[in-house]
N, C-alpha and C. Protein backbone atom coordinates (compact mmCIF):
# COMPACT_ATOMS: atom_id res chain seq x y z
N UNK A 1 86.38 128.58 127.18
CA UNK A 1 87.06 127.80 127.00
C UNK A 1 86.71 126.31 126.32
N UNK A 2 85.30 126.23 126.37
CA UNK A 2 84.47 124.93 125.66
C UNK A 2 84.34 125.02 123.72
N UNK A 3 84.34 126.50 123.89
CA UNK A 3 84.88 126.97 122.67
C UNK A 3 86.11 126.72 121.73
N UNK A 4 86.96 127.02 122.67
CA UNK A 4 88.19 127.36 122.16
C UNK A 4 88.54 125.34 121.80
N UNK A 5 88.46 124.81 122.45
CA UNK A 5 88.94 123.59 122.84
C UNK A 5 88.52 122.25 121.67
N UNK A 6 87.00 123.16 121.28
CA UNK A 6 86.30 122.72 119.54
C UNK A 6 86.83 122.92 118.96
N UNK A 7 86.85 124.07 118.77
CA UNK A 7 88.12 124.71 117.40
C UNK A 7 89.68 124.69 117.88
N UNK A 8 90.30 124.13 118.62
CA UNK A 8 91.36 122.84 118.36
C UNK A 8 91.09 122.12 118.28
N UNK A 9 90.29 121.57 118.59
CA UNK A 9 90.19 119.91 117.31
C UNK A 9 89.86 119.38 116.75
N UNK A 10 88.61 120.94 116.04
CA UNK A 10 88.55 120.78 115.33
C UNK A 10 89.83 121.30 113.94
N UNK A 11 90.63 121.42 114.57
CA UNK A 11 92.14 121.80 113.33
C UNK A 11 92.68 120.80 113.37
N UNK A 12 92.84 119.55 114.81
CA UNK A 12 92.77 118.95 114.68
C UNK A 12 93.03 117.67 113.93
N UNK A 13 91.06 117.49 113.36
CA UNK A 13 90.99 116.81 112.72
C UNK A 13 90.64 116.80 111.01
N UNK A 14 90.74 118.17 111.75
CA UNK A 14 91.06 118.63 109.97
C UNK A 14 92.56 118.78 109.42
N UNK A 15 93.91 118.29 110.27
CA UNK A 15 95.28 118.15 109.57
C UNK A 15 94.77 116.49 109.98
N UNK A 16 94.78 115.73 110.82
CA UNK A 16 94.25 114.39 110.82
C UNK A 16 93.66 114.16 109.61
N UNK A 17 92.54 114.88 108.83
CA UNK A 17 92.56 114.36 107.30
C UNK A 17 93.10 115.01 106.51
N UNK A 18 93.90 115.96 106.05
CA UNK A 18 94.87 116.28 104.96
C UNK A 18 95.75 115.16 104.94
N UNK A 19 96.05 114.90 106.36
CA UNK A 19 97.66 113.30 106.22
C UNK A 19 96.77 112.27 105.86
N UNK A 20 95.96 112.08 106.20
CA UNK A 20 95.71 110.87 105.74
C UNK A 20 94.84 111.01 103.95
N UNK A 21 93.92 112.18 103.70
CA UNK A 21 94.09 111.50 102.34
C UNK A 21 95.19 112.68 101.14
N UNK A 22 96.89 112.91 101.65
CA UNK A 22 97.62 112.67 101.16
C UNK A 22 97.88 111.56 101.21
N UNK A 23 97.82 110.21 102.58
CA UNK A 23 98.51 109.50 101.68
C UNK A 23 97.57 108.84 101.37
N UNK A 24 96.53 108.58 100.88
CA UNK A 24 95.54 107.92 100.59
C UNK A 24 95.99 108.21 98.95
N UNK A 25 96.08 109.00 98.54
CA UNK A 25 96.80 109.37 96.66
C UNK A 25 97.69 108.92 96.70
N UNK A 26 99.02 109.37 97.44
CA UNK A 26 100.12 108.24 96.98
C UNK A 26 100.09 107.17 97.38
N UNK A 27 99.01 106.71 98.34
CA UNK A 27 99.08 104.79 97.55
C UNK A 27 98.46 104.58 96.75
N UNK A 28 97.26 105.08 96.12
CA UNK A 28 96.33 105.11 94.98
C UNK A 28 97.59 105.43 93.81
N UNK A 29 97.88 106.35 93.91
CA UNK A 29 98.91 106.95 92.31
C UNK A 29 100.06 106.10 91.99
N UNK A 30 100.36 105.49 93.90
CA UNK A 30 101.77 104.43 92.86
C UNK A 30 100.72 103.12 92.81
N UNK A 31 100.13 102.96 93.61
CA UNK A 31 99.22 101.55 92.96
C UNK A 31 99.10 101.11 91.83
N UNK A 32 98.30 102.40 91.14
CA UNK A 32 98.15 102.36 89.99
C UNK A 32 99.08 102.66 88.20
N UNK A 33 100.30 103.04 88.72
CA UNK A 33 101.53 103.63 88.56
C UNK A 33 101.86 102.55 86.96
N UNK A 34 102.67 101.88 86.41
CA UNK A 34 102.69 101.20 85.01
C UNK A 34 103.90 101.19 85.70
N UNK A 35 105.06 101.57 85.71
CA UNK A 35 106.28 101.66 85.26
C UNK A 35 107.35 102.33 86.54
N UNK A 36 108.64 102.16 87.24
CA UNK A 36 109.17 102.75 88.05
C UNK A 36 109.43 104.34 87.68
N UNK A 37 109.13 105.31 86.86
CA UNK A 37 108.92 106.30 87.03
C UNK A 37 108.22 106.84 86.86
N UNK A 38 107.08 106.18 86.60
CA UNK A 38 105.00 106.92 86.99
C UNK A 38 105.82 106.98 87.56
N UNK A 39 105.90 105.22 88.39
CA UNK A 39 105.99 105.67 90.71
C UNK A 39 106.76 106.71 90.70
N UNK A 40 108.21 107.20 90.43
CA UNK A 40 108.54 107.95 91.69
C UNK A 40 107.97 109.73 90.68
N UNK A 41 107.42 109.90 90.02
CA UNK A 41 107.38 111.27 89.96
C UNK A 41 105.89 111.48 90.45
N UNK A 42 105.52 110.32 90.58
CA UNK A 42 103.87 110.24 91.76
C UNK A 42 104.09 110.81 92.77
N UNK A 43 105.81 109.53 93.53
CA UNK A 43 106.74 110.83 94.17
C UNK A 43 107.09 111.73 94.74
N UNK A 44 107.57 112.01 94.04
CA UNK A 44 107.98 113.69 94.13
C UNK A 44 106.35 114.21 94.42
N UNK A 45 105.64 114.45 92.95
CA UNK A 45 104.97 114.72 92.82
C UNK A 45 104.06 115.55 94.54
N UNK A 46 103.62 114.18 95.02
CA UNK A 46 103.13 113.79 96.20
C UNK A 46 103.45 114.72 98.03
N UNK A 47 105.51 114.49 97.67
CA UNK A 47 106.52 114.37 98.77
C UNK A 47 106.05 116.54 98.27
N UNK A 48 106.17 117.05 97.29
CA UNK A 48 105.98 118.59 96.54
C UNK A 48 104.21 118.61 97.84
N UNK A 49 103.83 118.20 97.70
CA UNK A 49 102.55 119.17 98.19
C UNK A 49 102.97 118.71 99.03
N UNK A 50 102.92 117.75 100.17
CA UNK A 50 102.55 117.38 101.13
C UNK A 50 103.76 118.57 102.31
N UNK A 51 104.82 118.52 101.78
CA UNK A 51 106.13 119.15 102.43
C UNK A 51 106.03 120.48 102.07
N UNK A 52 106.25 120.80 101.39
CA UNK A 52 106.22 121.94 100.79
C UNK A 52 107.91 121.89 100.51
N UNK A 53 108.40 120.80 99.62
CA UNK A 53 109.71 120.98 99.38
C UNK A 53 110.33 120.38 98.15
N UNK A 54 111.45 120.91 97.62
CA UNK A 54 111.82 120.62 96.67
C UNK A 54 112.28 118.53 97.12
N UNK A 55 112.26 117.74 95.52
CA UNK A 55 112.72 116.37 96.01
C UNK A 55 113.95 115.48 94.94
N UNK A 56 114.52 115.35 96.05
CA UNK A 56 115.60 114.15 94.97
C UNK A 56 115.17 112.79 95.49
N UNK A 57 115.42 112.10 94.34
CA UNK A 57 115.15 110.08 94.61
C UNK A 57 116.30 110.17 93.71
N UNK A 58 117.35 108.96 95.44
CA UNK A 58 118.90 108.34 94.29
C UNK A 58 118.33 106.92 94.57
N UNK A 59 118.25 105.95 93.13
CA UNK A 59 118.33 105.03 93.70
C UNK A 59 119.69 103.77 94.08
N UNK A 60 118.53 102.68 94.04
CA UNK A 60 120.85 102.03 94.03
C UNK A 60 119.90 100.38 93.29
N UNK A 61 119.42 100.51 92.29
CA UNK A 61 119.01 99.10 91.25
C UNK A 61 120.52 98.10 91.35
N UNK A 62 121.49 97.87 91.53
CA UNK A 62 122.29 97.68 91.77
C UNK A 62 123.02 97.08 93.09
N UNK A 63 122.55 97.70 94.24
CA UNK A 63 123.05 97.57 95.36
C UNK A 63 123.98 98.92 95.81
N UNK A 64 124.78 99.52 94.15
CA UNK A 64 125.07 100.84 94.35
C UNK A 64 124.43 101.78 94.04
N UNK A 65 124.65 103.46 94.82
CA UNK A 65 123.30 104.15 95.34
C UNK A 65 124.33 105.08 93.71
N UNK A 66 123.28 105.39 93.13
CA UNK A 66 123.02 105.86 91.55
C UNK A 66 123.79 107.75 92.15
N UNK A 67 124.83 108.13 90.96
CA UNK A 67 125.43 109.45 91.39
C UNK A 67 124.23 110.16 91.32
N UNK A 68 123.36 110.46 90.20
CA UNK A 68 122.88 111.48 89.66
C UNK A 68 121.07 110.90 90.17
N UNK A 69 120.48 111.38 90.57
CA UNK A 69 119.15 111.50 90.96
C UNK A 69 118.27 111.30 89.82
N UNK A 70 117.21 109.96 90.58
CA UNK A 70 116.38 109.78 89.18
C UNK A 70 115.54 111.15 88.04
N UNK A 71 115.33 110.72 87.19
CA UNK A 71 114.68 112.08 86.51
C UNK A 71 113.61 112.65 86.75
N UNK A 72 112.07 112.21 87.54
CA UNK A 72 111.41 113.50 88.06
C UNK A 72 112.20 113.56 89.16
N UNK A 73 112.99 113.68 89.99
CA UNK A 73 113.96 114.26 91.39
C UNK A 73 113.08 116.32 90.24
N UNK A 74 113.29 116.82 91.65
CA UNK A 74 113.36 118.67 91.55
C UNK A 74 114.61 119.48 92.29
N UNK A 75 115.47 118.56 92.41
CA UNK A 75 116.45 118.63 93.04
C UNK A 75 117.61 118.23 92.76
N UNK A 76 118.08 118.91 92.54
CA UNK A 76 119.94 119.01 91.92
C UNK A 76 120.74 118.59 93.25
N UNK A 77 121.46 117.38 93.15
CA UNK A 77 122.23 116.87 94.48
C UNK A 77 123.79 116.73 94.43
N UNK A 78 124.70 118.19 94.60
CA UNK A 78 125.98 118.40 94.53
C UNK A 78 127.45 116.60 94.89
N UNK A 79 127.83 117.42 95.25
CA UNK A 79 128.92 116.06 95.68
C UNK A 79 129.10 116.07 97.60
N UNK A 80 129.33 117.20 97.34
CA UNK A 80 128.86 117.56 99.14
C UNK A 80 127.60 116.48 99.52
N UNK A 81 126.59 116.90 99.06
CA UNK A 81 124.93 116.37 99.29
C UNK A 81 125.27 114.65 99.63
N UNK A 82 125.43 114.47 97.89
CA UNK A 82 125.59 113.02 97.82
C UNK A 82 126.64 112.09 98.90
N UNK A 83 127.92 113.46 99.57
CA UNK A 83 128.45 112.30 100.81
C UNK A 83 127.49 111.55 101.36
N UNK A 84 126.27 112.98 101.95
CA UNK A 84 125.26 112.22 103.12
C UNK A 84 124.24 111.46 102.56
N UNK A 85 124.21 111.71 101.17
CA UNK A 85 122.88 111.00 101.61
C UNK A 85 123.76 109.52 100.93
N UNK A 86 124.84 108.81 100.53
CA UNK A 86 125.31 108.38 101.04
C UNK A 86 126.24 107.06 102.20
N UNK A 87 126.38 107.95 102.89
CA UNK A 87 125.70 107.72 104.09
C UNK A 87 124.44 106.84 104.51
N UNK A 88 123.50 107.74 104.59
CA UNK A 88 122.39 107.78 104.87
C UNK A 88 121.77 106.47 104.09
N UNK A 89 122.25 106.47 102.92
CA UNK A 89 121.76 105.12 101.98
C UNK A 89 122.72 103.69 102.89
N UNK A 90 124.04 103.49 103.22
CA UNK A 90 124.72 102.74 103.82
C UNK A 90 124.88 102.37 105.58
N UNK A 91 124.79 103.25 105.95
CA UNK A 91 123.90 103.08 107.26
C UNK A 91 122.03 102.59 107.74
N UNK A 92 121.50 103.09 106.25
CA UNK A 92 119.95 103.04 106.42
C UNK A 92 119.60 103.69 107.63
N UNK A 93 119.74 104.84 107.70
CA UNK A 93 119.31 106.27 108.83
C UNK A 93 119.41 106.94 107.80
N UNK A 94 118.63 108.21 108.84
CA UNK A 94 118.21 109.57 108.21
C UNK A 94 119.46 110.46 108.66
N UNK A 95 119.65 111.25 107.65
CA UNK A 95 121.08 112.13 107.58
C UNK A 95 120.68 113.07 107.17
N UNK A 96 121.02 114.32 107.23
CA UNK A 96 121.92 115.36 106.70
C UNK A 96 120.64 116.20 107.75
N UNK A 97 120.39 117.69 106.93
CA UNK A 97 119.85 118.74 107.66
C UNK A 97 118.38 118.37 108.86
N UNK A 98 118.49 118.79 110.09
CA UNK A 98 117.66 118.26 111.26
C UNK A 98 117.77 117.27 111.91
N UNK A 99 119.14 116.44 111.46
CA UNK A 99 119.48 115.71 112.10
C UNK A 99 120.83 115.39 113.08
N UNK A 100 120.47 114.95 113.79
CA UNK A 100 122.22 114.52 114.55
C UNK A 100 123.00 114.11 113.68
N UNK A 101 122.76 113.26 112.40
CA UNK A 101 124.53 112.52 111.29
C UNK A 101 124.50 114.03 110.05
N UNK A 102 125.75 114.80 110.31
CA UNK A 102 125.88 115.64 109.12
C UNK A 102 124.83 117.33 109.28
N UNK A 103 124.20 117.19 110.48
CA UNK A 103 123.37 117.74 110.23
C UNK A 103 123.40 119.77 109.45
N UNK A 104 125.26 120.15 109.00
CA UNK A 104 124.92 120.93 108.33
C UNK A 104 124.56 120.91 106.34
N UNK A 105 124.41 120.09 106.65
CA UNK A 105 123.71 119.64 105.30
C UNK A 105 122.52 120.34 104.85
N UNK A 106 122.46 121.09 103.33
CA UNK A 106 121.25 121.10 103.48
C UNK A 106 120.16 120.78 102.71
N UNK A 107 119.80 119.11 102.88
CA UNK A 107 119.27 118.48 102.58
C UNK A 107 119.29 116.86 103.13
N UNK A 108 117.57 117.09 103.53
CA UNK A 108 117.52 115.85 104.40
C UNK A 108 117.22 114.47 104.31
N UNK A 109 118.00 114.10 104.44
CA UNK A 109 117.97 112.13 103.43
C UNK A 109 117.54 111.09 103.98
N UNK A 110 116.28 110.58 103.57
CA UNK A 110 115.77 109.61 104.37
C UNK A 110 116.30 108.24 103.27
N UNK A 111 116.55 107.29 104.60
CA UNK A 111 116.44 105.85 103.25
C UNK A 111 115.26 104.69 103.28
N UNK A 112 115.04 104.92 102.17
CA UNK A 112 114.24 103.84 101.24
C UNK A 112 114.39 102.71 101.64
N UNK A 113 114.27 102.26 102.79
CA UNK A 113 114.31 100.73 103.99
C UNK A 113 113.07 100.04 103.62
N UNK A 114 113.36 98.77 102.83
CA UNK A 114 112.49 97.54 101.99
C UNK A 114 112.95 96.62 103.61
N UNK A 115 112.22 95.36 103.72
CA UNK A 115 112.69 93.95 104.85
C UNK A 115 113.40 93.74 104.13
N UNK A 116 113.77 93.77 103.19
CA UNK A 116 115.51 93.18 102.38
C UNK A 116 116.98 94.04 102.63
N UNK A 117 116.46 95.12 101.88
CA UNK A 117 117.67 96.22 101.68
C UNK A 117 117.39 97.15 101.58
N UNK A 118 117.78 98.20 101.33
CA UNK A 118 118.21 99.98 101.44
C UNK A 118 118.07 99.72 99.47
N UNK A 119 116.38 100.35 99.52
CA UNK A 119 116.40 100.60 97.92
C UNK A 119 117.08 102.00 97.23
N UNK A 120 116.91 102.68 97.80
CA UNK A 120 117.91 103.92 97.99
C UNK A 120 117.75 105.17 98.50
N UNK A 121 117.24 106.36 98.43
CA UNK A 121 117.15 107.51 99.82
C UNK A 121 116.66 107.91 98.73
N UNK A 122 116.01 109.27 99.49
CA UNK A 122 114.84 110.31 99.33
C UNK A 122 115.62 111.48 99.75
N UNK A 123 115.87 112.67 98.84
CA UNK A 123 116.51 113.48 99.75
C UNK A 123 115.27 114.89 100.10
N UNK A 124 115.11 115.71 100.99
CA UNK A 124 114.17 116.50 101.10
C UNK A 124 114.21 118.16 100.77
N UNK A 125 114.63 119.33 100.22
CA UNK A 125 114.35 120.53 100.88
C UNK A 125 113.62 121.48 101.27
N UNK A 126 113.21 121.50 102.38
CA UNK A 126 111.48 123.03 102.54
C UNK A 126 112.48 123.47 102.15
N UNK A 127 111.32 124.27 101.27
CA UNK A 127 110.78 125.54 100.83
C UNK A 127 111.67 126.58 102.10
N UNK A 128 110.13 126.31 103.29
CA UNK A 128 111.29 127.60 105.30
C UNK A 128 112.00 126.91 105.29
N UNK A 129 113.06 127.37 105.44
CA UNK A 129 114.30 126.39 106.44
C UNK A 129 113.42 126.34 107.88
N UNK A 130 112.45 125.63 107.92
CA UNK A 130 112.15 125.45 109.50
C UNK A 130 112.25 123.74 109.58
N UNK A 131 112.15 122.95 111.20
CA UNK A 131 112.37 121.66 111.23
C UNK A 131 110.93 121.73 110.86
N UNK A 132 111.11 119.90 110.67
CA UNK A 132 109.77 119.56 110.78
C UNK A 132 109.61 118.71 111.93
N UNK A 133 107.37 118.88 111.70
CA UNK A 133 107.04 119.18 113.48
C UNK A 133 106.68 117.59 113.08
N UNK A 134 107.08 116.97 114.47
CA UNK A 134 106.48 116.52 115.18
C UNK A 134 105.40 115.33 113.64
N UNK A 135 104.22 115.79 113.73
CA UNK A 135 102.99 115.12 112.93
C UNK A 135 103.67 115.21 111.37
N UNK A 136 105.00 115.85 111.02
CA UNK A 136 105.81 116.05 109.82
C UNK A 136 106.26 114.53 109.65
N UNK A 137 107.22 114.81 110.62
CA UNK A 137 108.53 113.49 110.75
C UNK A 137 107.24 111.85 110.66
N UNK A 138 106.38 111.46 111.45
CA UNK A 138 105.50 111.27 111.38
C UNK A 138 105.48 110.52 109.44
N UNK A 139 104.14 112.18 109.67
CA UNK A 139 103.66 111.88 108.16
C UNK A 139 104.69 111.07 107.01
N UNK A 140 106.00 111.55 106.96
CA UNK A 140 107.33 111.78 106.00
C UNK A 140 107.22 110.46 106.21
N UNK A 141 107.57 109.65 107.85
CA UNK A 141 108.35 108.42 107.80
C UNK A 141 106.75 107.60 106.84
N UNK A 142 105.99 107.38 107.19
CA UNK A 142 104.73 107.15 106.61
C UNK A 142 104.80 106.61 105.20
N UNK A 143 105.74 108.09 104.49
CA UNK A 143 105.14 107.81 102.78
C UNK A 143 106.71 107.42 102.48
N UNK A 144 107.31 107.21 103.27
CA UNK A 144 109.09 107.31 102.74
C UNK A 144 108.22 105.38 102.44
N UNK A 145 108.15 104.97 103.62
CA UNK A 145 107.60 104.02 103.75
C UNK A 145 106.85 102.58 102.34
N UNK A 146 106.17 103.70 102.22
CA UNK A 146 105.71 103.56 101.12
C UNK A 146 105.80 103.52 99.92
N UNK A 147 106.38 104.42 99.75
CA UNK A 147 107.65 104.56 98.38
C UNK A 147 107.89 103.57 98.43
N UNK A 148 108.88 103.10 99.34
CA UNK A 148 109.93 102.30 99.80
C UNK A 148 109.20 101.03 99.18
N UNK A 149 108.22 100.19 99.62
CA UNK A 149 107.78 98.98 99.08
C UNK A 149 107.05 99.41 97.33
N UNK A 150 106.69 100.21 97.07
CA UNK A 150 105.96 100.14 95.47
C UNK A 150 108.08 100.25 95.40
N UNK A 151 108.91 100.89 94.91
CA UNK A 151 109.90 100.97 94.71
C UNK A 151 110.88 99.77 94.59
N UNK A 152 110.76 98.57 95.47
CA UNK A 152 111.19 97.65 95.80
C UNK A 152 110.26 96.58 94.80
N UNK A 153 108.97 96.39 94.98
CA UNK A 153 108.31 95.40 93.68
C UNK A 153 108.44 95.85 92.40
N UNK A 154 108.43 97.38 91.82
CA UNK A 154 109.43 97.36 91.00
C UNK A 154 110.53 97.19 89.74
N UNK A 155 111.71 97.33 91.49
CA UNK A 155 112.20 96.97 91.01
C UNK A 155 112.56 95.53 90.89
N UNK A 156 111.87 94.71 92.12
CA UNK A 156 111.59 93.07 91.88
C UNK A 156 110.77 92.45 90.59
N UNK A 157 109.93 93.56 90.00
CA UNK A 157 109.33 93.04 88.19
C UNK A 157 110.21 93.53 87.71
N UNK A 158 111.07 94.51 87.63
CA UNK A 158 111.82 94.62 86.29
C UNK A 158 112.96 93.49 86.76
N UNK A 159 113.04 92.71 87.73
CA UNK A 159 114.47 91.46 87.96
C UNK A 159 113.24 90.69 88.06
N UNK A 160 112.56 89.90 87.37
CA UNK A 160 112.12 89.02 87.34
C UNK A 160 111.55 88.89 85.45
N UNK A 161 112.09 90.15 84.60
CA UNK A 161 110.84 90.02 83.79
C UNK A 161 112.97 89.68 82.90
N UNK A 162 112.94 90.22 83.74
CA UNK A 162 115.03 89.75 82.81
C UNK A 162 115.71 88.55 83.08
N UNK A 163 114.95 88.28 84.02
CA UNK A 163 114.93 87.05 84.56
C UNK A 163 114.47 85.74 83.87
N UNK A 164 113.51 86.26 83.76
CA UNK A 164 112.20 85.54 82.17
C UNK A 164 113.15 85.09 80.81
N UNK A 165 113.60 86.99 80.71
CA UNK A 165 113.92 86.89 78.85
C UNK A 165 115.35 85.65 79.14
N UNK A 166 116.44 85.88 80.02
CA UNK A 166 117.32 85.25 80.20
C UNK A 166 117.17 83.95 80.66
N UNK A 167 116.45 83.61 81.29
CA UNK A 167 115.24 81.72 80.39
C UNK A 167 115.12 81.33 79.68
N UNK A 168 114.52 82.19 79.24
CA UNK A 168 113.76 81.95 77.06
C UNK A 168 115.53 81.96 76.65
N UNK A 169 116.29 83.41 76.33
CA UNK A 169 117.45 83.22 75.74
C UNK A 169 118.18 81.75 76.12
N UNK A 170 117.86 81.23 76.93
CA UNK A 170 119.02 80.56 77.87
C UNK A 170 118.55 78.62 76.61
N UNK A 171 117.01 78.80 76.75
CA UNK A 171 116.92 77.68 76.42
C UNK A 171 116.49 77.97 74.45
N UNK A 172 116.32 79.72 73.87
CA UNK A 172 116.74 79.54 72.89
C UNK A 172 118.23 78.74 72.39
N UNK A 173 119.00 78.70 72.96
CA UNK A 173 120.62 78.99 73.18
C UNK A 173 120.74 77.20 73.04
N UNK A 174 120.16 76.67 73.79
CA UNK A 174 119.42 75.06 73.86
C UNK A 174 119.65 74.25 72.25
N UNK A 175 117.94 74.79 72.58
CA UNK A 175 117.50 74.15 71.37
C UNK A 175 118.10 74.31 69.91
N UNK A 176 118.70 75.44 69.37
CA UNK A 176 119.60 75.80 68.42
C UNK A 176 121.35 74.52 68.60
N UNK A 177 121.66 74.90 69.72
CA UNK A 177 122.53 73.58 69.59
C UNK A 177 122.56 72.11 69.19
N UNK A 178 121.34 72.56 70.24
CA UNK A 178 120.02 70.92 69.75
C UNK A 178 119.95 70.13 68.75
N UNK A 179 119.78 71.42 67.73
CA UNK A 179 119.33 70.62 66.38
C UNK A 179 120.39 71.30 65.57
N UNK A 180 121.41 71.68 65.97
CA UNK A 180 122.58 71.73 65.43
C UNK A 180 123.33 70.70 65.19
N UNK A 181 123.50 69.97 66.68
CA UNK A 181 124.01 68.46 66.61
C UNK A 181 123.89 67.85 66.00
């Protein structure tokens, strides 16, 4: 009995170490990624490895969910699945396979929620048609939160660069008008 309990605890510790290492790799690689494309490519790779799933990432940089998945995605999204993704995006809750909302869908969609908004959705289609374990649900939520924060940071960086360009353009325009007058 004692040996069996020790083995079970050892397996539990090994699974915990694997989850922590996967989260560490995701955090490290997304933090060192140079742009949004690199961040999303890293996210897709880590999600595929950790959950043995195909992944689709749909972003909403303008507040409207884009129809086509990001180029780093490995999972195509048809019209039916896109409507599930849209529901998840608009309501800020998971939808699709293994949920109570639209469970007939083939893909499980989770919103990329940030403190200010929903930045998009991530869709997962597990290779084995099995439901997420409790540990996997917690790990997925942690991964999604990390990805959402990094995506939000990247989108804010892009918006800040565009704002700086617009300010510089406005300054040049004003200078040109002043010199002409």
